[in-house]
Amino acid sequence: MPATTAARTGKAHPCPGPPNPPSPQLRRASLGLDAVLTSPGRARAWTRETLWQWRLACLADTAQAIVSELVANAVLHASAGPRQPGIRLALAYGHGELAIQVSDHNPDLPQARHPAGYDESGRGLLMVQALSDSYSCYPLEDGTAGKAVCAVLRTVPDVPGDGPAASIS
């Protein structure tokens, strides 16, 4: 059963910019990744583990699909500065919303394409838009060259006892 409005309606609404400022109830986690081919798999595994710990396993499949596409795009287009990870994946959960943000140091904003049926690529951003309740891309807020792409999923947390985190004593 779909966990997001977009999965049910097929419509995502663009975010105007960065997610709202953090609140005291917000859970946050981030992961630095290199621009290498193994990063999307590492990002998926980390996302699943983080969401299970937060008792949000109901979002894991959709979140992993979004993370995989955003990180794969970043791997293709990232240009890291000195002593900086090429890609940063951040998750934030609060007020019934999971924000997934992937940033890199390439300032070019992604553009949704409309590939022909035989094209082997070009559908990733369309998939992110279809799976998320809202999405956006914007320049990095700290003034450095680069961009962030954010997708938001709305949900309610899993019931206690769901997922591996519940079995930890």
Foldseek 3Di string as FASTA:
>chain_A
DAFFPLLVVQAAAADPDDDDDDDPQKDKDKDFAALDPCVLVVQLVVQCVVCLLVQNNSCSVLVSLLSSLVSPVQSVQADDDPPGRQKMWMWMDDPQKIKTKIKGQAQDDDDQDDDDPPDPDRCSVVSLRSSANYKYKDADPVPGHIIMIMGMGGHDGHDQPPHDNNPDD
